[in-house]
Amino acid sequence: MLRFKLTCVSAAVVVLLAVFTLTAADADYKWPAGNDNPPPRLKGEDARKVLTERWNKASKEPLGTHADTAAIEKTIFAHVKMNNPNAKVREVRWLSPTSVMAKASWVYGDLASARYFYVLQKTKDKWRIVTYYMLGSS
């Protein structure tokens, strides 16, 4: 019984440290610049490497509520649907409870498609897009 309690306490401490580390690091993120023409595309392999590393390290488990996830998707849909009603948020990964990266895309039949990386941050009770990058189109 004592061993189980120690294991639970240890697990809780690890989770708290991870959340604290992610939250503390959140303010330190500088996002790669894109080109000047919307939608921005990444400049160089270093920029793609930075995004890929952050994506791979980000939590697949939500660090926010279901309402946060719904608001993130709604914010991205409002942005992407200006161009296409067939938009989808493929995956959201959490950098902290107030900062996420998301993969989104749209497809227009067999004629065209595009893939994006979005970075969003929560300020007060609203999620806003910090930056986004077009990863590819056809």
N, C-alpha and C. Protein backbone atom coordinates (compact mmCIF):
# COMPACT_ATOMS: atom_id res chain seq x y z
N MET A 1 0.83 -1.19 0.00
CA MET A 1 0.00 0.00 0.00
C MET A 1 0.87 1.25 0.00
N LEU A 2 1.91 1.28 0.81
CA LEU A 2 2.81 2.43 0.87
C LEU A 2 3.52 2.63 -0.48
N ARG A 3 3.91 1.51 -1.08
CA ARG A 3 4.58 1.58 -2.38
C ARG A 3 3.66 2.20 -3.43
N PHE A 4 2.36 1.82 -3.41
CA PHE A 4 1.38 2.36 -4.35
C PHE A 4 1.23 3.87 -4.13
N LYS A 5 1.17 4.31 -2.88
CA LYS A 5 1.02 5.74 -2.57
C LYS A 5 2.24 6.52 -3.05
N LEU A 6 3.44 5.96 -2.83
CA LEU A 6 4.65 6.63 -3.28
C LEU A 6 4.70 6.72 -4.80
N THR A 7 4.25 5.66 -5.47
CA THR A 7 4.22 5.67 -6.93
C THR A 7 3.26 6.74 -7.43
N CYS A 8 2.08 6.85 -6.81
CA CYS A 8 1.10 7.86 -7.21
C CYS A 8 1.64 9.27 -6.96
N VAL A 9 2.27 9.47 -5.82
CA VAL A 9 2.84 10.78 -5.50
C VAL A 9 3.96 11.11 -6.49
N SER A 10 4.81 10.14 -6.79
CA SER A 10 5.90 10.36 -7.75
C SER A 10 5.35 10.72 -9.12
N ALA A 11 4.34 10.01 -9.56
CA ALA A 11 3.73 10.29 -10.86
C ALA A 11 3.13 11.69 -10.88
N ALA A 12 2.48 12.09 -9.80
CA ALA A 12 1.88 13.43 -9.72
C ALA A 12 2.96 14.50 -9.78
N VAL A 13 4.07 14.28 -9.11
CA VAL A 13 5.17 15.26 -9.12
C VAL A 13 5.74 15.38 -10.53
N VAL A 14 5.92 14.28 -11.23
CA VAL A 14 6.45 14.30 -12.58
C VAL A 14 5.51 15.09 -13.51
N VAL A 15 4.20 14.84 -13.39
CA VAL A 15 3.23 15.55 -14.22
C VAL A 15 3.27 17.05 -13.93
N LEU A 16 3.30 17.43 -12.66
CA LEU A 16 3.35 18.84 -12.29
C LEU A 16 4.63 19.50 -12.81
N LEU A 17 5.75 18.82 -12.70
CA LEU A 17 7.01 19.37 -13.21
C LEU A 17 6.96 19.54 -14.73
N ALA A 18 6.38 18.57 -15.41
CA ALA A 18 6.27 18.65 -16.87
C ALA A 18 5.40 19.83 -17.28
N VAL A 19 4.26 20.00 -16.62
CA VAL A 19 3.37 21.12 -16.94
C VAL A 19 4.06 22.44 -16.63
N PHE A 20 4.76 22.52 -15.48
CA PHE A 20 5.47 23.74 -15.12
C PHE A 20 6.55 24.05 -16.15
N THR A 21 7.29 23.05 -16.56
CA THR A 21 8.35 23.24 -17.55
C THR A 21 7.78 23.71 -18.87
N LEU A 22 6.69 23.09 -19.32
CA LEU A 22 6.07 23.51 -20.57
C LEU A 22 5.55 24.94 -20.47
N THR A 23 4.93 25.29 -19.33
CA THR A 23 4.39 26.62 -19.15
C THR A 23 5.52 27.65 -19.09
N ALA A 24 6.57 27.35 -18.36
CA ALA A 24 7.69 28.29 -18.24
C ALA A 24 8.36 28.50 -19.59
N ALA A 25 8.49 27.44 -20.37
CA ALA A 25 9.15 27.55 -21.67
C ALA A 25 8.27 28.25 -22.70
N ASP A 26 6.97 28.28 -22.47
CA ASP A 26 6.01 28.86 -23.40
C ASP A 26 6.39 30.28 -23.80
N ALA A 27 6.81 31.08 -22.83
CA ALA A 27 7.14 32.47 -23.11
C ALA A 27 8.43 32.61 -23.91
N ASP A 28 9.24 31.59 -23.95
CA ASP A 28 10.53 31.65 -24.63
C ASP A 28 10.48 31.30 -26.11
N TYR A 29 9.34 30.83 -26.61
CA TYR A 29 9.26 30.41 -28.00
C TYR A 29 9.35 31.60 -28.95
N LYS A 30 10.23 31.47 -29.90
CA LYS A 30 10.30 32.40 -31.01
C LYS A 30 10.00 31.55 -32.24
N TRP A 31 9.03 31.98 -33.04
CA TRP A 31 8.61 31.18 -34.17
C TRP A 31 9.33 31.63 -35.42
N PRO A 32 9.71 30.68 -36.29
CA PRO A 32 10.43 31.03 -37.51
C PRO A 32 9.61 32.01 -38.37
N ALA A 33 10.32 32.88 -39.05
CA ALA A 33 9.66 33.82 -39.95
C ALA A 33 9.22 33.08 -41.21
N GLY A 34 8.12 33.51 -41.76
CA GLY A 34 7.67 32.99 -43.03
C GLY A 34 7.98 34.00 -44.12
N ASN A 35 7.65 33.67 -45.34
CA ASN A 35 7.85 34.66 -46.40
C ASN A 35 6.81 35.77 -46.24
N ASP A 36 6.90 36.80 -47.06
CA ASP A 36 6.02 37.96 -46.90
C ASP A 36 4.66 37.79 -47.56
N ASN A 37 4.49 36.80 -48.39
CA ASN A 37 3.22 36.63 -49.10
C ASN A 37 2.31 35.67 -48.35
N PRO A 38 1.10 36.10 -48.01
CA PRO A 38 0.19 35.15 -47.36
C PRO A 38 -0.24 34.08 -48.34
N PRO A 39 -0.45 32.86 -47.93
CA PRO A 39 -0.10 32.38 -46.61
C PRO A 39 1.41 32.18 -46.51
N PRO A 40 1.97 32.46 -45.34
CA PRO A 40 3.43 32.36 -45.21
C PRO A 40 3.92 30.92 -45.36
N ARG A 41 5.02 30.78 -46.02
CA ARG A 41 5.70 29.48 -46.13
C ARG A 41 6.98 29.57 -45.34
N LEU A 42 7.44 28.44 -44.84
CA LEU A 42 8.67 28.41 -44.05
C LEU A 42 9.87 28.75 -44.91
N LYS A 43 10.80 29.49 -44.33
CA LYS A 43 12.05 29.82 -45.01
C LYS A 43 13.14 28.87 -44.54
N GLY A 44 13.58 28.00 -45.41
CA GLY A 44 14.73 27.14 -45.12
C GLY A 44 14.44 25.92 -44.27
N GLU A 45 15.40 25.01 -44.29
CA GLU A 45 15.29 23.76 -43.55
C GLU A 45 15.37 23.97 -42.04
N ASP A 46 16.10 24.99 -41.60
CA ASP A 46 16.19 25.25 -40.16
C ASP A 46 14.82 25.55 -39.58
N ALA A 47 14.01 26.32 -40.29
CA ALA A 47 12.66 26.65 -39.82
C ALA A 47 11.81 25.39 -39.71
N ARG A 48 11.87 24.55 -40.72
CA ARG A 48 11.10 23.30 -40.69
C ARG A 48 11.58 22.41 -39.54
N LYS A 49 12.89 22.39 -39.31
CA LYS A 49 13.45 21.59 -38.22
C LYS A 49 12.95 22.08 -36.86
N VAL A 50 12.90 23.40 -36.66
CA VAL A 50 12.40 23.97 -35.40
C VAL A 50 10.95 23.54 -35.18
N LEU A 51 10.11 23.68 -36.19
CA LEU A 51 8.70 23.29 -36.05
C LEU A 51 8.55 21.80 -35.79
N THR A 52 9.30 20.99 -36.51
CA THR A 52 9.21 19.54 -36.34
C THR A 52 9.65 19.12 -34.94
N GLU A 53 10.74 19.70 -34.43
CA GLU A 53 11.20 19.37 -33.09
C GLU A 53 10.18 19.77 -32.03
N ARG A 54 9.62 20.96 -32.15
CA ARG A 54 8.60 21.39 -31.18
C ARG A 54 7.36 20.51 -31.25
N TRP A 55 6.96 20.17 -32.46
CA TRP A 55 5.79 19.30 -32.65
C TRP A 55 6.04 17.94 -31.99
N ASN A 56 7.20 17.37 -32.22
CA ASN A 56 7.51 16.05 -31.67
C ASN A 56 7.60 16.06 -30.14
N LYS A 57 8.02 17.17 -29.55
CA LYS A 57 8.13 17.27 -28.10
C LYS A 57 6.81 17.66 -27.43
N ALA A 58 5.89 18.21 -28.18
CA ALA A 58 4.63 18.68 -27.61
C ALA A 58 3.77 17.50 -27.16
N SER A 59 2.91 17.76 -26.20
CA SER A 59 2.06 16.73 -25.61
C SER A 59 0.88 16.39 -26.52
N LYS A 60 0.68 15.10 -26.75
CA LYS A 60 -0.50 14.65 -27.47
C LYS A 60 -1.72 14.64 -26.54
N GLU A 61 -1.45 14.55 -25.26
CA GLU A 61 -2.52 14.59 -24.25
C GLU A 61 -2.91 16.04 -24.00
N PRO A 62 -4.20 16.35 -24.01
CA PRO A 62 -4.63 17.73 -23.78
C PRO A 62 -4.17 18.25 -22.41
N LEU A 63 -3.64 19.46 -22.41
CA LEU A 63 -3.28 20.14 -21.16
C LEU A 63 -4.34 21.18 -20.80
N GLY A 64 -5.38 21.23 -21.61
CA GLY A 64 -6.51 22.13 -21.37
C GLY A 64 -7.80 21.33 -21.32
N THR A 65 -8.90 22.04 -21.36
CA THR A 65 -10.22 21.42 -21.27
C THR A 65 -10.77 21.06 -22.65
N HIS A 66 -11.90 20.34 -22.66
CA HIS A 66 -12.58 20.06 -23.93
C HIS A 66 -13.02 21.37 -24.59
N ALA A 67 -13.40 22.33 -23.76
CA ALA A 67 -13.81 23.65 -24.28
C ALA A 67 -12.63 24.33 -24.97
N ASP A 68 -11.44 24.18 -24.43
CA ASP A 68 -10.25 24.75 -25.06
C ASP A 68 -10.03 24.12 -26.44
N THR A 69 -10.11 22.81 -26.51
CA THR A 69 -9.91 22.11 -27.78
C THR A 69 -10.95 22.56 -28.81
N ALA A 70 -12.20 22.68 -28.40
CA ALA A 70 -13.26 23.14 -29.30
C ALA A 70 -13.00 24.57 -29.77
N ALA A 71 -12.54 25.43 -28.87
CA ALA A 71 -12.25 26.82 -29.22
C ALA A 71 -11.07 26.92 -30.17
N ILE A 72 -10.06 26.06 -29.98
CA ILE A 72 -8.90 26.03 -30.88
C ILE A 72 -9.36 25.67 -32.29
N GLU A 73 -10.14 24.61 -32.39
CA GLU A 73 -10.64 24.18 -33.70
C GLU A 73 -11.51 25.27 -34.34
N LYS A 74 -12.37 25.89 -33.56
CA LYS A 74 -13.24 26.95 -34.08
C LYS A 74 -12.42 28.13 -34.61
N THR A 75 -11.35 28.50 -33.90
CA THR A 75 -10.49 29.60 -34.33
C THR A 75 -9.80 29.27 -35.65
N ILE A 76 -9.30 28.04 -35.76
CA ILE A 76 -8.64 27.62 -37.00
C ILE A 76 -9.65 27.55 -38.14
N PHE A 77 -10.83 26.97 -37.88
CA PHE A 77 -11.86 26.88 -38.93
C PHE A 77 -12.24 28.26 -39.44
N ALA A 78 -12.39 29.22 -38.53
CA ALA A 78 -12.76 30.58 -38.94
C ALA A 78 -11.70 31.16 -39.87
N HIS A 79 -10.45 30.83 -39.64
CA HIS A 79 -9.36 31.34 -40.47
C HIS A 79 -9.26 30.61 -41.81
N VAL A 80 -9.26 29.29 -41.76
CA VAL A 80 -9.09 28.49 -42.98
C VAL A 80 -10.32 28.57 -43.87
N LYS A 81 -11.51 28.59 -43.28
CA LYS A 81 -12.73 28.56 -44.08
C LYS A 81 -12.95 29.83 -44.88
N MET A 82 -12.15 30.86 -44.60
CA MET A 82 -12.22 32.04 -45.46
C MET A 82 -11.85 31.62 -46.87
N ASN A 83 -11.02 30.58 -46.97
CA ASN A 83 -10.55 30.11 -48.26
C ASN A 83 -11.25 28.83 -48.72
N ASN A 84 -11.72 28.01 -47.79
CA ASN A 84 -12.28 26.72 -48.17
C ASN A 84 -13.18 26.14 -47.09
N PRO A 85 -14.37 25.71 -47.46
CA PRO A 85 -15.29 25.15 -46.46
C PRO A 85 -14.97 23.71 -46.06
N ASN A 86 -14.02 23.07 -46.73
CA ASN A 86 -13.68 21.68 -46.45
C ASN A 86 -12.47 21.55 -45.54
N ALA A 87 -12.31 22.48 -44.62
CA ALA A 87 -11.15 22.49 -43.73
C ALA A 87 -11.30 21.44 -42.63
N LYS A 88 -10.16 20.91 -42.19
CA LYS A 88 -10.12 19.95 -41.09
C LYS A 88 -8.92 20.25 -40.20
N VAL A 89 -9.14 20.15 -38.90
CA VAL A 89 -8.02 20.20 -37.96
C VAL A 89 -7.62 18.75 -37.75
N ARG A 90 -6.42 18.41 -38.18
CA ARG A 90 -5.96 17.03 -38.14
C ARG A 90 -5.51 16.60 -36.75
N GLU A 91 -4.77 17.47 -36.07
CA GLU A 91 -4.25 17.13 -34.75
C GLU A 91 -3.84 18.39 -34.02
N VAL A 92 -4.04 18.38 -32.70
CA VAL A 92 -3.60 19.47 -31.84
C VAL A 92 -2.60 18.89 -30.85
N ARG A 93 -1.48 19.58 -30.69
CA ARG A 93 -0.49 19.19 -29.68
C ARG A 93 -0.24 20.38 -28.77
N TRP A 94 -0.02 20.09 -27.50
CA TRP A 94 0.04 21.10 -26.46
C TRP A 94 1.48 21.39 -26.05
N LEU A 95 1.88 22.65 -26.19
CA LEU A 95 3.18 23.11 -25.71
C LEU A 95 3.07 23.49 -24.24
N SER A 96 1.89 23.94 -23.84
CA SER A 96 1.58 24.32 -22.46
C SER A 96 0.06 24.39 -22.37
N PRO A 97 -0.49 24.64 -21.19
CA PRO A 97 -1.94 24.79 -21.10
C PRO A 97 -2.48 25.99 -21.87
N THR A 98 -1.61 26.91 -22.27
CA THR A 98 -2.06 28.11 -22.99
C THR A 98 -1.41 28.28 -24.36
N SER A 99 -0.74 27.25 -24.86
CA SER A 99 -0.08 27.35 -26.15
C SER A 99 -0.12 26.00 -26.87
N VAL A 100 -0.55 26.03 -28.13
CA VAL A 100 -0.67 24.78 -28.90
C VAL A 100 -0.14 24.96 -30.31
N MET A 101 0.15 23.81 -30.92
CA MET A 101 0.43 23.73 -32.34
C MET A 101 -0.64 22.81 -32.92
N ALA A 102 -1.07 23.10 -34.12
CA ALA A 102 -2.10 22.27 -34.75
C ALA A 102 -1.78 22.09 -36.22
N LYS A 103 -2.12 20.91 -36.73
CA LYS A 103 -2.04 20.64 -38.16
C LYS A 103 -3.45 20.73 -38.72
N ALA A 104 -3.59 21.49 -39.79
CA ALA A 104 -4.89 21.65 -40.43
C ALA A 104 -4.71 21.50 -41.94
N SER A 105 -5.81 21.22 -42.63
CA SER A 105 -5.75 21.08 -44.07
C SER A 105 -7.12 21.33 -44.67
N TRP A 106 -7.12 21.50 -45.97
CA TRP A 106 -8.37 21.53 -46.72
C TRP A 106 -8.15 20.85 -48.05
N VAL A 107 -9.25 20.34 -48.58
CA VAL A 107 -9.22 19.67 -49.88
C VAL A 107 -10.40 20.18 -50.68
N TYR A 108 -10.16 20.50 -51.93
CA TYR A 108 -11.23 20.93 -52.81
C TYR A 108 -11.31 19.94 -53.96
N GLY A 109 -12.03 18.84 -53.72
CA GLY A 109 -12.16 17.79 -54.72
C GLY A 109 -10.80 17.28 -55.14
N ASP A 110 -10.65 17.03 -56.44
CA ASP A 110 -9.37 16.60 -56.98
C ASP A 110 -8.55 17.78 -57.49
N LEU A 111 -9.08 18.98 -57.31
CA LEU A 111 -8.45 20.15 -57.90
C LEU A 111 -7.35 20.77 -57.06
N ALA A 112 -7.54 20.82 -55.75
CA ALA A 112 -6.55 21.53 -54.93
C ALA A 112 -6.62 21.06 -53.48
N SER A 113 -5.50 21.25 -52.78
CA SER A 113 -5.44 20.96 -51.35
C SER A 113 -4.30 21.78 -50.75
N ALA A 114 -4.33 21.92 -49.42
CA ALA A 114 -3.25 22.63 -48.73
C ALA A 114 -3.14 22.10 -47.31
N ARG A 115 -1.91 22.14 -46.77
CA ARG A 115 -1.64 21.71 -45.39
C ARG A 115 -0.98 22.86 -44.64
N TYR A 116 -1.35 23.00 -43.36
CA TYR A 116 -0.87 24.12 -42.55
C TYR A 116 -0.42 23.67 -41.17
N PHE A 117 0.49 24.43 -40.59
CA PHE A 117 0.83 24.37 -39.17
C PHE A 117 0.30 25.66 -38.57
N TYR A 118 -0.48 25.55 -37.52
CA TYR A 118 -0.96 26.73 -36.78
C TYR A 118 -0.35 26.74 -35.39
N VAL A 119 -0.06 27.93 -34.89
CA VAL A 119 0.38 28.13 -33.52
C VAL A 119 -0.64 29.06 -32.89
N LEU A 120 -1.25 28.61 -31.79
CA LEU A 120 -2.26 29.42 -31.10
C LEU A 120 -1.87 29.60 -29.65
N GLN A 121 -2.32 30.71 -29.09
CA GLN A 121 -2.07 31.00 -27.69
C GLN A 121 -3.36 31.51 -27.06
N LYS A 122 -3.54 31.13 -25.81
CA LYS A 122 -4.73 31.56 -25.07
C LYS A 122 -4.38 32.80 -24.25
N THR A 123 -5.13 33.85 -24.48
CA THR A 123 -4.98 35.06 -23.68
C THR A 123 -6.34 35.35 -23.07
N LYS A 124 -6.36 35.49 -21.76
CA LYS A 124 -7.60 35.59 -21.00
C LYS A 124 -8.41 34.34 -21.30
N ASP A 125 -9.58 34.46 -21.91
CA ASP A 125 -10.40 33.28 -22.21
C ASP A 125 -10.55 33.05 -23.70
N LYS A 126 -9.64 33.60 -24.50
CA LYS A 126 -9.78 33.49 -25.95
C LYS A 126 -8.50 32.96 -26.58
N TRP A 127 -8.68 32.02 -27.51
CA TRP A 127 -7.56 31.49 -28.28
C TRP A 127 -7.37 32.36 -29.51
N ARG A 128 -6.10 32.73 -29.79
CA ARG A 128 -5.80 33.52 -30.97
C ARG A 128 -4.64 32.87 -31.73
N ILE A 129 -4.62 33.11 -33.03
CA ILE A 129 -3.55 32.58 -33.87
C ILE A 129 -2.33 33.48 -33.73
N VAL A 130 -1.21 32.88 -33.32
CA VAL A 130 0.05 33.60 -33.20
C VAL A 130 0.71 33.70 -34.58
N THR A 131 0.76 32.56 -35.24
CA THR A 131 1.31 32.50 -36.60
C THR A 131 0.81 31.21 -37.26
N TYR A 132 0.99 31.12 -38.54
CA TYR A 132 0.67 29.88 -39.25
C TYR A 132 1.56 29.80 -40.48
N TYR A 133 1.74 28.58 -40.96
CA TYR A 133 2.61 28.34 -42.12
C TYR A 133 1.93 27.36 -43.06
N MET A 134 2.01 27.64 -44.34
CA MET A 134 1.55 26.66 -45.32
C MET A 134 2.70 25.68 -45.52
N LEU A 135 2.42 24.42 -45.30
CA LEU A 135 3.45 23.39 -45.46
C LEU A 135 3.50 22.85 -46.87
N GLY A 136 2.38 22.90 -47.55
CA GLY A 136 2.35 22.40 -48.92
C GLY A 136 1.01 22.62 -49.55
N SER A 137 0.97 22.61 -50.86
CA SER A 137 -0.29 22.74 -51.58
C SER A 137 -0.18 21.99 -52.90
N SER A 138 -1.33 21.68 -53.45
CA SER A 138 -1.34 21.02 -54.76
C SER A 138 -2.55 21.46 -55.53
